[in-house]
C-alpha atoms as a PDB file:
ATOM      1  CA  UNK A   1       0.181   0.170  -0.097  1.00  0.00           C
ATOM      2  CA  UNK A   2       2.887   2.654   0.794  1.00  0.00           C
ATOM      3  CA  UNK A   3       4.171   2.352  -2.716  1.00  0.00           C
ATOM      4  CA  UNK A   4       0.303   3.207  -4.231  1.00  0.00           C
ATOM      5  CA  UNK A   5       0.686   6.092  -2.267  1.00  0.00           C
ATOM      6  CA  UNK A   6       4.009   7.198  -3.428  1.00  0.00           C
ATOM      7  CA  UNK A   7       3.275   6.478  -6.755  1.00  0.00           C
ATOM      8  CA  UNK A   8      -0.115   8.929  -6.621  1.00  0.00           C
ATOM      9  CA  UNK A   9       1.892  11.340  -4.567  1.00  0.00           C
ATOM     10  CA  UNK A  10       4.146  10.915  -7.948  1.00  0.00           C
ATOM     11  CA  UNK A  11       1.430  11.006 -10.777  1.00  0.00           C
ATOM     12  CA  UNK A  12       0.308  13.957  -9.132  1.00  0.00           C
ATOM     13  CA  UNK A  13       3.444  16.263  -9.110  1.00  0.00           C
ATOM     14  CA  UNK A  14       3.558  15.502 -12.888  1.00  0.00           C
ATOM     15  CA  UNK A  15       0.045  16.511 -13.346  1.00  0.00           C
ATOM     16  CA  UNK A  16       1.108  19.407 -11.715  1.00  0.00           C
ATOM     17  CA  UNK A  17       4.484  19.968 -13.427  1.00  0.00           C
ATOM     18  CA  UNK A  18       2.410  19.879 -16.991  1.00  0.00           C
ATOM     19  CA  UNK A  19      -0.097  21.835 -15.743  1.00  0.00           C
ATOM     20  CA  UNK A  20       2.471  24.745 -15.189  1.00  0.00           C
ATOM     21  CA  UNK A  21       4.187  24.018 -18.523  1.00  0.00           C
ATOM     22  CA  UNK A  22       0.866  24.642 -20.023  1.00  0.00           C
ATOM     23  CA  UNK A  23      -0.032  27.900 -18.261  1.00  0.00           C
ATOM     24  CA  UNK A  24       3.949  29.488 -18.919  1.00  0.00           C
ATOM     25  CA  UNK A  25       3.518  27.924 -22.565  1.00  0.00           C
ATOM     26  CA  UNK A  26      -0.321  29.931 -22.785  1.00  0.00           C
ATOM     27  CA  UNK A  27       0.570  33.002 -21.113  1.00  0.00           C
ATOM     28  CA  UNK A  28       3.589  33.637 -23.951  1.00  0.00           C
ATOM     29  CA  UNK A  29       1.227  32.852 -26.780  1.00  0.00           C
ATOM     30  CA  UNK A  30       3.099  29.846 -28.109  1.00  0.00           C
ATOM     31  CA  UNK A  31       1.552  26.778 -29.326  1.00  0.00           C
ATOM     32  CA  UNK A  32       3.205  22.852 -28.631  1.00  0.00           C
ATOM     33  CA  UNK A  33       4.779  22.725 -31.835  1.00  0.00           C
ATOM     34  CA  UNK A  34       6.540  26.609 -31.250  1.00  0.00           C
ATOM     35  CA  UNK A  35       7.574  25.198 -27.366  1.00  0.00           C
ATOM     36  CA  UNK A  36       8.828  21.830 -28.722  1.00  0.00           C
ATOM     37  CA  UNK A  37      10.881  23.551 -31.450  1.00  0.00           C
ATOM     38  CA  UNK A  38      12.279  25.982 -29.333  1.00  0.00           C
ATOM     39  CA  UNK A  39      13.346  24.026 -26.624  1.00  0.00           C
ATOM     40  CA  UNK A  40      15.007  21.337 -28.949  1.00  0.00           C
ATOM     41  CA  UNK A  41      12.481  18.563 -27.997  1.00  0.00           C
ATOM     42  CA  UNK A  42       9.793  16.255 -29.917  1.00  0.00           C
ATOM     43  CA  UNK A  43       6.234  17.567 -29.931  1.00  0.00           C
ATOM     44  CA  UNK A  44       5.122  14.118 -28.505  1.00  0.00           C
ATOM     45  CA  UNK A  45       7.552  14.600 -25.790  1.00  0.00           C
ATOM     46  CA  UNK A  46       6.151  18.240 -24.811  1.00  0.00           C
ATOM     47  CA  UNK A  47       2.688  16.546 -25.286  1.00  0.00           C
ATOM     48  CA  UNK A  48       3.322  13.666 -22.860  1.00  0.00           C
ATOM     49  CA  UNK A  49       4.994  16.093 -20.282  1.00  0.00           C
ATOM     50  CA  UNK A  50       2.394  18.412 -19.969  1.00  0.00           C
ATOM     51  CA  UNK A  51      -0.574  15.546 -19.397  1.00  0.00           C
ATOM     52  CA  UNK A  52       1.592  14.394 -16.960  1.00  0.00           C
ATOM     53  CA  UNK A  53       2.784  11.402 -18.985  1.00  0.00           C
ATOM     54  CA  UNK A  54       6.042  11.697 -18.686  1.00  0.00           C
ATOM     55  CA  UNK A  55       9.050  12.209 -15.746  1.00  0.00           C
ATOM     56  CA  UNK A  56      11.003  14.049 -17.344  1.00  0.00           C
ATOM     57  CA  UNK A  57      14.826  14.481 -17.083  1.00  0.00           C
ATOM     58  CA  UNK A  58      16.729  17.181 -15.606  1.00  0.00           C
ATOM     59  CA  UNK A  59      17.916  17.962 -19.196  1.00  0.00           C
ATOM     60  CA  UNK A  60      14.795  18.061 -20.191  1.00  0.00           C
ATOM     61  CA  UNK A  61      13.067  20.219 -18.230  1.00  0.00           C
ATOM     62  CA  UNK A  62      15.968  22.771 -18.714  1.00  0.00           C
ATOM     63  CA  UNK A  63      15.427  22.810 -22.237  1.00  0.00           C
ATOM     64  CA  UNK A  64      12.045  23.319 -21.798  1.00  0.00           C
ATOM     65  CA  UNK A  65      12.013  25.748 -19.165  1.00  0.00           C
ATOM     66  CA  UNK A  66      14.885  27.777 -21.364  1.00  0.00           C
ATOM     67  CA  UNK A  67      12.381  27.122 -24.723  1.00  0.00           C
ATOM     68  CA  UNK A  68       9.885  28.861 -22.515  1.00  0.00           C
ATOM     69  CA  UNK A  69      12.480  31.658 -21.138  1.00  0.00           C
ATOM     70  CA  UNK A  70      11.427  30.823 -17.761  1.00  0.00           C
ATOM     71  CA  UNK A  71      13.948  29.925 -14.730  1.00  0.00           C
ATOM     72  CA  UNK A  72      13.838  26.501 -14.385  1.00  0.00           C
ATOM     73  CA  UNK A  73      12.739  26.920 -10.598  1.00  0.00           C
ATOM     74  CA  UNK A  74       9.396  28.513 -12.204  1.00  0.00           C
ATOM     75  CA  UNK A  75       8.609  25.127 -13.511  1.00  0.00           C
ATOM     76  CA  UNK A  76       9.411  22.614 -10.610  1.00  0.00           C
ATOM     77  CA  UNK A  77       8.254  25.169  -7.598  1.00  0.00           C
ATOM     78  CA  UNK A  78       7.149  23.358  -4.524  1.00  0.00           C
END
């Protein structure tokens, strides 16, 4: 049971991260395609991140933050 709780918490964190990326992207008036291009990640990667299906690496997060022209800390704030 303990593992299920941990998985649920990490799933919620990934959904929250994805929602933050969407908020930042939309605030800048960018499409997913534009953001993926600017971040040098695949469109599929960005789409999966935005809906919480991807647990991104540090380098992927850093690239997305750079593509959105925001600090990494703004995306992963606690």
